[in-house]
Amino acid sequence: MKNSLILLLFVAFGCKAQQENFKIADGVKQHQDLFNTTMNQDVSCYRIPALTTAPNGDLIAAIDERVPSCGDLKWSKDINIVIRRSSDNGKTWSAIEKIVDFPLGKSASDPSMIVDAVTNEIFLFYNYMDLDKEKDVYYLHVVKSADNGKTWSKPEDITPQIAKREWHNDFKFITSGRGIQTRSGTLLHCMVNLNSGLHVFGSKDHGKSWFFIDTPVSPADESKIMELANGDWMINARANKEGKRYVHISKDEGKSWKTRPEPNLIDPGCNASIVRYTSIEDGYKKNRLLFSNAKSEKGRVNMTVRISYDEGETWSEGKTIYEGESAYSSMTILENGDVGLFFEQDDYQKNPFVSFSLKWLTDGKDKYRKPRPKKD
């Protein structure tokens, strides 16, 4: 009995020591924890990362500042949206800045961004709740910046435009992370109603008004939408308790969808990120998509980035960025062609930014080359 107890203690402490010894992968170019509670001891935790590249090349990292507890929107009367910015591809970052800060009792959560390459504006979406007056009622807001994230507009409530009136009391939210802009200039994003499925919303007039596509997509919790090289829309979806991702394809701009499971993209039921790295249409030699998630069927661990050369039909095994506890992630492409990744680490205690090259991601099999300017 005594020997068994000693063995159990050894295993327990050994596992803890092993967990604490996990490190960010060798070979990343930049690595910095952008948000943790040592930076502000009044904050319980920082959660839900969103990362984008502004029109001028600056990086913007947005996240929830959860003050009284680490609870989600319906459980906290004080959640703010804060950002940090970098003008040198993630080497240095500005101080933490609140850009959405309501009075106590009203909270904002789950930031996501879309950059409009036509108007050079950045749209930042979040979910809002007045816990004192309308607890459990979710509103959908947007703010925008016309100066690369230095200043932001007042909040706009777009709930009536992108959610049905009868959904007033439903659990609904805009997916955190990012949306996209299509080649035609349309802005696209995902909104989830846990009772009615995922729905696509967007704007054809650069955010002056927003449209809602009344075609539910399922299974799909927090999801990301992409435009494929052939013009199809693809949603890469979180599906809880499935152990894998699901993919939904539309050939008619969201009027109908074809669904398939993605057994190779194992997933514990967690928000992930998918971005376009390069496109032949833009002068590159290859179409490339990148996907990041906690690569595990159960348990939020093993932050991994994969690459696809066939528009998401198949994916590489990927490169592990961090083997330990890892959850939500958000990616962007840096001005110098590197990949930026912003993710939750170690039971939501850290939120590091890392960057790495395509050459490192593919173990030297592929590397970034700027396309030649198109001739008139």
Protein backbone atom coordinates (compact mmCIF):
# COMPACT_ATOMS: atom_id res chain seq x y z
CA MET A 1 0.00 0.00 0.00
CA LYS A 2 2.81 2.37 0.94
CA ASN A 3 4.67 1.62 -2.29
CA SER A 4 1.48 2.15 -4.31
CA LEU A 5 0.93 5.54 -2.66
CA ILE A 6 4.50 6.59 -3.42
CA LEU A 7 4.02 5.50 -7.05
CA LEU A 8 0.78 7.50 -7.35
CA LEU A 9 2.43 10.62 -5.92
CA PHE A 10 5.37 10.19 -8.28
CA VAL A 11 3.05 9.86 -11.29
CA ALA A 12 0.94 12.86 -10.21
CA PHE A 13 3.88 15.18 -9.61
CA GLY A 14 5.67 13.83 -12.68
CA CYS A 15 2.69 14.66 -14.90
CA LYS A 16 2.47 18.15 -13.40
CA ALA A 17 6.16 18.74 -13.96
CA GLN A 18 5.82 17.52 -17.55
CA GLN A 19 2.90 19.89 -18.14
CA GLU A 20 4.89 22.82 -16.78
CA ASN A 21 7.83 21.96 -19.04
CA PHE A 22 5.88 22.41 -22.29
CA LYS A 23 7.46 25.10 -24.41
CA ILE A 24 6.64 27.04 -27.54
CA ALA A 25 8.17 25.23 -30.51
CA ASP A 26 11.75 26.00 -31.48
CA GLY A 27 12.04 27.98 -34.68
CA VAL A 28 9.27 30.54 -34.24
CA LYS A 29 10.49 34.06 -35.00
CA GLN A 30 8.51 36.00 -32.42
CA HIS A 31 6.96 34.87 -29.15
CA GLN A 32 5.35 37.19 -26.62
CA ASP A 33 2.54 36.76 -24.12
CA LEU A 34 0.29 39.72 -24.93
CA PHE A 35 -2.33 39.44 -22.18
CA ASN A 36 -2.15 37.90 -18.72
CA THR A 37 -3.34 38.87 -15.26
CA THR A 38 0.10 40.01 -14.07
CA MET A 39 -0.43 43.01 -16.36
CA ASN A 40 -3.55 44.05 -14.44
CA GLN A 41 -4.27 42.36 -11.12
CA ASP A 42 -7.86 43.65 -11.14
CA VAL A 43 -8.61 41.37 -14.10
CA SER A 44 -9.57 37.71 -13.53
CA CYS A 45 -8.53 36.58 -16.99
CA TYR A 46 -8.19 37.48 -20.65
CA ARG A 47 -10.03 35.27 -23.12
CA ILE A 48 -11.19 34.95 -26.75
CA PRO A 49 -8.33 36.15 -28.99
CA ALA A 50 -8.79 37.87 -32.36
CA LEU A 51 -5.92 38.89 -34.64
CA THR A 52 -5.79 40.80 -37.91
CA THR A 53 -3.46 42.81 -40.12
CA ALA A 54 -4.52 46.41 -40.65
CA PRO A 55 -4.38 48.06 -44.10
CA ASN A 56 -1.05 49.71 -43.23
CA GLY A 57 0.49 46.40 -42.07
CA ASP A 58 0.02 46.96 -38.33
CA LEU A 59 -1.11 43.98 -36.29
CA ILE A 60 -4.14 44.30 -34.03
CA ALA A 61 -4.71 41.76 -31.26
CA ALA A 62 -8.11 42.03 -29.55
CA ILE A 63 -9.40 40.06 -26.57
CA ASP A 64 -11.94 39.99 -23.70
CA GLU A 65 -10.84 41.67 -20.48
CA ARG A 66 -12.89 39.67 -17.97
CA VAL A 67 -12.81 41.54 -14.68
CA PRO A 68 -14.75 39.91 -11.78
CA SER A 69 -14.49 36.33 -13.06
CA CYS A 70 -13.42 34.29 -16.06
CA GLY A 71 -17.07 33.52 -16.86
CA ASP A 72 -18.64 34.06 -20.27
CA LEU A 73 -20.92 36.98 -21.18
CA LYS A 74 -24.06 35.86 -19.33
CA TRP A 75 -22.10 35.32 -16.13
CA SER A 76 -20.13 38.58 -15.87
CA LYS A 77 -21.22 42.18 -15.38
CA ASP A 78 -17.85 43.57 -16.42
CA ILE A 79 -16.20 42.38 -19.63
CA ASN A 80 -14.44 44.87 -21.89
CA ILE A 81 -12.78 44.58 -25.30
CA VAL A 82 -9.10 45.52 -25.22
CA ILE A 83 -6.41 45.61 -27.89
CA ARG A 84 -2.68 45.86 -28.44
CA ARG A 85 -1.08 46.94 -31.72
CA SER A 86 2.27 46.22 -33.37
CA SER A 87 3.91 48.19 -36.18
CA ASP A 88 6.91 45.88 -36.65
CA ASN A 89 5.45 42.44 -37.45
CA GLY A 90 4.97 41.53 -33.81
CA LYS A 91 8.40 42.39 -32.40
CA THR A 92 7.01 45.07 -30.08
CA TRP A 93 3.48 45.91 -28.97
CA SER A 94 1.63 48.95 -27.66
CA ALA A 95 0.18 49.11 -24.15
CA ILE A 96 -3.20 47.49 -23.46
CA GLU A 97 -6.01 49.81 -24.54
CA LYS A 98 -9.75 49.53 -23.88
CA ILE A 99 -11.80 50.18 -26.98
CA VAL A 100 -15.20 48.92 -25.73
CA ASP A 101 -15.93 49.70 -22.08
CA PHE A 102 -19.53 49.87 -20.85
CA PRO A 103 -20.64 50.82 -17.30
CA LEU A 104 -20.77 48.05 -14.70
CA GLY A 105 -23.66 45.70 -15.44
CA LYS A 106 -23.18 45.85 -19.21
CA SER A 107 -20.62 43.62 -20.89
CA ALA A 108 -19.04 43.09 -24.33
CA SER A 109 -17.46 39.80 -25.37
CA ASP A 110 -16.05 37.69 -28.22
CA PRO A 111 -14.24 40.13 -30.53
CA SER A 112 -13.86 39.41 -34.23
CA MET A 113 -12.59 41.53 -37.10
CA ILE A 114 -12.93 42.07 -40.84
CA VAL A 115 -10.60 44.34 -42.81
CA ASP A 116 -12.20 46.08 -45.79
CA ALA A 117 -9.43 46.38 -48.38
CA VAL A 118 -11.52 48.74 -50.48
CA THR A 119 -12.28 51.41 -47.85
CA ASN A 120 -9.30 50.58 -45.57
CA GLU A 121 -11.66 50.31 -42.60
CA ILE A 122 -11.53 47.67 -39.87
CA PHE A 123 -14.79 46.31 -38.47
CA LEU A 124 -14.69 44.82 -34.98
CA PHE A 125 -17.75 42.83 -33.91
CA TYR A 126 -18.70 41.68 -30.42
CA ASN A 127 -21.66 40.37 -28.44
CA TYR A 128 -23.33 42.60 -25.85
CA MET A 129 -25.55 42.06 -22.82
CA ASP A 130 -27.14 44.29 -20.18
CA LEU A 131 -27.12 41.89 -17.25
CA ASP A 132 -29.09 44.22 -14.95
CA LYS A 133 -31.99 44.94 -17.32
CA GLU A 134 -32.03 42.06 -19.83
CA LYS A 135 -30.01 39.14 -18.54
CA ASP A 136 -29.63 36.33 -21.09
CA VAL A 137 -30.59 38.60 -24.01
CA TYR A 138 -27.78 38.83 -26.56
CA TYR A 139 -27.23 41.85 -28.81
CA LEU A 140 -24.82 41.99 -31.74
CA HIS A 141 -22.63 45.08 -32.09
CA VAL A 142 -19.93 46.48 -34.37
CA VAL A 143 -17.39 49.30 -34.07
CA LYS A 144 -15.04 50.41 -36.83
CA SER A 145 -11.70 52.11 -37.29
CA ALA A 146 -10.58 54.23 -40.24
CA ASP A 147 -7.02 54.76 -38.95
CA ASN A 148 -5.60 51.22 -38.63
CA GLY A 149 -6.97 50.63 -35.14
CA LYS A 150 -5.78 53.82 -33.44
CA THR A 151 -9.32 55.10 -32.82
CA TRP A 152 -12.71 53.44 -32.97
CA SER A 153 -16.29 54.53 -33.63
CA LYS A 154 -19.17 54.36 -31.19
CA PRO A 155 -20.91 50.97 -30.98
CA GLU A 156 -23.65 50.20 -33.49
CA ASP A 157 -26.33 47.64 -32.70
CA ILE A 158 -26.85 45.53 -35.84
CA THR A 159 -29.02 42.86 -34.17
CA PRO A 160 -32.22 43.81 -36.08
CA GLN A 161 -30.38 43.44 -39.39
CA ILE A 162 -28.75 40.03 -38.82
CA ALA A 163 -31.10 38.19 -36.44
CA LYS A 164 -34.80 37.39 -36.59
CA ARG A 165 -37.16 39.24 -34.27
CA GLU A 166 -38.42 35.95 -32.81
CA TRP A 167 -34.85 35.11 -31.76
CA HIS A 168 -34.83 37.88 -29.16
CA ASN A 169 -34.43 35.51 -26.20
CA ASP A 170 -32.33 32.88 -28.00
CA PHE A 171 -28.67 32.15 -27.26
CA LYS A 172 -27.06 33.80 -30.28
CA PHE A 173 -23.62 35.24 -30.95
CA ILE A 174 -21.22 36.39 -33.64
CA THR A 175 -18.31 33.96 -33.90
CA SER A 176 -15.11 35.34 -32.43
CA GLY A 177 -11.89 35.62 -34.44
CA ARG A 178 -12.50 37.00 -37.91
CA GLY A 179 -14.69 37.20 -40.99
CA ILE A 180 -13.62 37.82 -44.59
CA GLN A 181 -14.00 40.05 -47.60
CA THR A 182 -14.72 38.30 -50.91
CA ARG A 183 -13.15 39.21 -54.25
CA SER A 184 -16.31 41.12 -55.14
CA GLY A 185 -15.89 43.27 -52.02
CA THR A 186 -18.67 41.65 -49.96
CA LEU A 187 -18.02 41.30 -46.23
CA LEU A 188 -18.96 37.88 -44.79
CA HIS A 189 -19.18 36.56 -41.25
CA CYS A 190 -20.84 33.83 -39.15
CA MET A 191 -23.51 34.16 -36.47
CA VAL A 192 -24.65 31.19 -34.40
CA ASN A 193 -28.07 30.59 -32.88
CA LEU A 194 -27.77 27.49 -30.74
CA ASN A 195 -31.48 26.78 -31.28
CA SER A 196 -31.59 27.44 -35.02
CA GLY A 197 -28.12 26.75 -36.43
CA LEU A 198 -25.39 28.89 -37.92
CA HIS A 199 -26.27 31.69 -40.34
CA VAL A 200 -24.10 33.79 -42.62
CA PHE A 201 -24.40 37.56 -42.54
CA GLY A 202 -22.52 40.29 -44.33
CA SER A 203 -22.51 43.60 -46.15
CA LYS A 204 -22.44 44.57 -49.82
CA ASP A 205 -21.99 48.30 -49.14
CA HIS A 206 -18.90 48.30 -46.92
CA GLY A 207 -20.73 48.18 -43.61
CA LYS A 208 -23.38 50.83 -44.23
CA SER A 209 -26.00 48.09 -43.96
CA TRP A 210 -25.94 44.36 -43.19
CA PHE A 211 -27.76 41.41 -44.76
CA PHE A 212 -28.77 38.07 -43.26
CA ILE A 213 -29.02 34.78 -45.17
CA ASP A 214 -31.90 32.73 -43.78
CA THR A 215 -30.39 29.31 -44.49
CA PRO A 216 -29.37 27.44 -41.33
CA VAL A 217 -26.13 25.44 -41.34
CA SER A 218 -25.61 22.49 -39.01
CA PRO A 219 -23.67 21.05 -37.25
CA ALA A 220 -21.88 24.32 -36.61
CA ASP A 221 -21.00 26.08 -33.40
CA GLU A 222 -18.25 28.73 -33.61
CA SER A 223 -17.20 28.66 -37.27
CA LYS A 224 -15.18 30.45 -39.95
CA ILE A 225 -16.18 31.26 -43.51
CA MET A 226 -13.81 31.31 -46.50
CA GLU A 227 -14.11 32.09 -50.19
CA LEU A 228 -12.52 29.34 -52.28
CA ALA A 229 -10.56 29.91 -55.47
CA ASN A 230 -13.55 28.87 -57.61
CA GLY A 231 -15.83 31.34 -55.81
CA ASP A 232 -17.57 28.78 -53.58
CA TRP A 233 -18.07 29.62 -49.92
CA MET A 234 -16.69 27.21 -47.31
CA ILE A 235 -17.53 27.13 -43.62
CA ASN A 236 -15.13 25.28 -41.33
CA ALA A 237 -17.18 24.48 -38.25
CA ARG A 238 -16.76 23.52 -34.63
CA ALA A 239 -19.01 20.57 -33.79
CA ASN A 240 -19.23 19.74 -30.09
CA LYS A 241 -18.81 16.15 -28.88
CA GLU A 242 -17.87 14.97 -32.38
CA GLY A 243 -14.08 14.85 -32.02
CA LYS A 244 -13.70 16.43 -35.48
CA ARG A 245 -14.50 19.48 -37.60
CA TYR A 246 -17.28 19.75 -40.19
CA VAL A 247 -17.10 21.52 -43.55
CA HIS A 248 -20.04 23.11 -45.36
CA ILE A 249 -19.77 24.21 -49.01
CA SER A 250 -22.10 26.56 -50.87
CA LYS A 251 -22.00 27.08 -54.64
CA ASP A 252 -24.83 29.63 -54.63
CA GLU A 253 -23.66 32.27 -52.14
CA GLY A 254 -25.25 30.70 -49.09
CA LYS A 255 -28.66 29.73 -50.46
CA SER A 256 -27.84 26.03 -50.00
CA TRP A 257 -25.04 24.04 -48.38
CA LYS A 258 -23.47 20.62 -48.76
CA THR A 259 -22.08 19.19 -45.52
CA ARG A 260 -19.28 16.72 -44.87
CA PRO A 261 -17.37 15.63 -41.76
CA GLU A 262 -13.61 16.19 -41.70
CA PRO A 263 -12.27 13.19 -39.71
CA ASN A 264 -8.65 14.22 -40.36
CA LEU A 265 -9.23 17.58 -38.71
CA ILE A 266 -9.61 16.21 -35.20
CA ASP A 267 -10.94 18.76 -32.72
CA PRO A 268 -12.13 18.71 -29.09
CA GLY A 269 -15.02 21.13 -29.75
CA CYS A 270 -13.15 24.42 -29.71
CA ASN A 271 -12.93 27.61 -31.73
CA ALA A 272 -10.29 27.44 -34.46
CA SER A 273 -8.91 29.68 -37.22
CA ILE A 274 -8.68 29.33 -40.99
CA VAL A 275 -7.13 31.94 -43.29
CA ARG A 276 -6.03 32.24 -46.88
CA TYR A 277 -2.25 32.48 -47.16
CA THR A 278 -1.86 32.86 -50.92
CA SER A 279 -3.93 32.73 -54.09
CA ILE A 280 -2.98 32.04 -57.70
CA GLU A 281 -5.44 34.79 -58.61
CA ASP A 282 -3.19 37.26 -56.75
CA GLY A 283 -0.09 36.20 -58.68
CA TYR A 284 1.27 33.49 -56.38
CA LYS A 285 2.26 30.11 -57.76
CA LYS A 286 0.01 28.19 -55.35
CA ASN A 287 -3.30 28.40 -53.57
CA ARG A 288 -2.62 27.95 -49.86
CA LEU A 289 -4.95 27.82 -46.85
CA LEU A 290 -3.85 27.64 -43.21
CA PHE A 291 -5.77 26.09 -40.31
CA SER A 292 -4.99 26.27 -36.58
CA ASN A 293 -6.66 24.46 -33.70
CA ALA A 294 -6.17 22.36 -30.60
CA LYS A 295 -5.33 19.17 -32.50
CA SER A 296 -6.92 16.64 -30.16
CA GLU A 297 -10.15 14.62 -30.14
CA LYS A 298 -10.59 15.24 -26.43
CA GLY A 299 -9.09 17.96 -24.29
CA ARG A 300 -7.92 21.39 -25.39
CA VAL A 301 -4.23 20.71 -25.99
CA ASN A 302 -1.68 20.61 -28.80
CA MET A 303 -1.97 23.90 -30.70
CA THR A 304 -1.17 23.00 -34.30
CA VAL A 305 -1.06 24.79 -37.66
CA ARG A 306 -1.75 22.88 -40.90
CA ILE A 307 -1.54 23.84 -44.57
CA SER A 308 -3.70 22.89 -47.56
CA TYR A 309 -2.74 23.22 -51.23
CA ASP A 310 -6.11 22.06 -52.62
CA GLU A 311 -8.57 24.52 -51.08
CA GLY A 312 -9.21 22.49 -47.94
CA GLU A 313 -9.82 19.10 -49.56
CA THR A 314 -6.75 17.70 -47.77
CA TRP A 315 -4.49 19.03 -45.04
CA SER A 316 -0.93 18.42 -43.86
CA GLU A 317 -0.30 16.75 -40.52
CA GLY A 318 0.75 20.19 -39.33
CA LYS A 319 3.37 21.69 -37.09
CA THR A 320 2.84 21.69 -33.33
CA ILE A 321 3.27 25.17 -31.87
CA TYR A 322 2.58 24.18 -28.26
CA GLU A 323 1.86 20.68 -26.89
CA GLY A 324 0.32 21.82 -23.60
CA GLU A 325 -3.10 23.27 -22.81
CA SER A 326 -4.28 25.29 -25.81
CA ALA A 327 -7.74 26.57 -26.73
CA TYR A 328 -9.05 29.34 -29.01
CA SER A 329 -6.75 30.64 -31.75
CA SER A 330 -6.67 33.36 -34.40
CA MET A 331 -4.28 33.75 -37.34
CA THR A 332 -3.26 36.49 -39.73
CA ILE A 333 -0.70 36.96 -42.50
CA LEU A 334 2.02 39.49 -41.71
CA GLU A 335 3.25 42.14 -44.12
CA ASN A 336 6.54 40.24 -44.57
CA GLY A 337 4.79 36.97 -45.49
CA ASP A 338 5.17 35.31 -42.10
CA VAL A 339 2.21 33.77 -40.26
CA GLY A 340 0.97 35.30 -37.01
CA LEU A 341 -0.83 33.13 -34.45
CA PHE A 342 -2.55 34.41 -31.28
CA PHE A 343 -3.92 31.72 -28.94
CA GLU A 344 -5.04 30.81 -25.42
CA GLN A 345 -2.47 28.85 -23.41
CA ASP A 346 -2.23 27.03 -20.08
CA ASP A 347 -5.82 26.99 -18.82
CA TYR A 348 -6.47 30.54 -20.12
CA GLN A 349 -3.61 32.01 -18.07
CA LYS A 350 -1.62 33.22 -21.10
CA ASN A 351 -2.41 34.57 -24.56
CA PRO A 352 0.79 34.46 -26.61
CA PHE A 353 1.48 35.80 -30.07
CA VAL A 354 3.92 33.79 -32.17
CA SER A 355 5.06 34.23 -35.74
CA PHE A 356 6.83 31.85 -38.10
CA SER A 357 7.74 31.46 -41.74
CA LEU A 358 6.15 29.21 -44.35
CA LYS A 359 9.55 27.54 -44.73
CA TRP A 360 9.56 26.61 -41.02
CA LEU A 361 5.94 25.45 -41.12
CA THR A 362 6.66 23.09 -44.03
CA ASP A 363 10.10 21.93 -42.86
CA GLY A 364 11.75 23.59 -45.84
CA LYS A 365 9.46 22.07 -48.48
CA ASP A 366 7.81 25.38 -49.32
CA LYS A 367 8.71 29.03 -48.89
CA TYR A 368 7.15 32.42 -49.38
CA ARG A 369 7.88 34.38 -52.52
CA LYS A 370 6.29 37.69 -53.32
CA PRO A 371 4.38 37.62 -56.60
CA ARG A 372 5.71 39.60 -59.52
CA PRO A 373 3.78 42.79 -60.24
CA LYS A 374 1.13 42.26 -62.89
CA LYS A 375 1.87 43.93 -66.23
CA ASP A 376 -0.70 46.40 -67.55
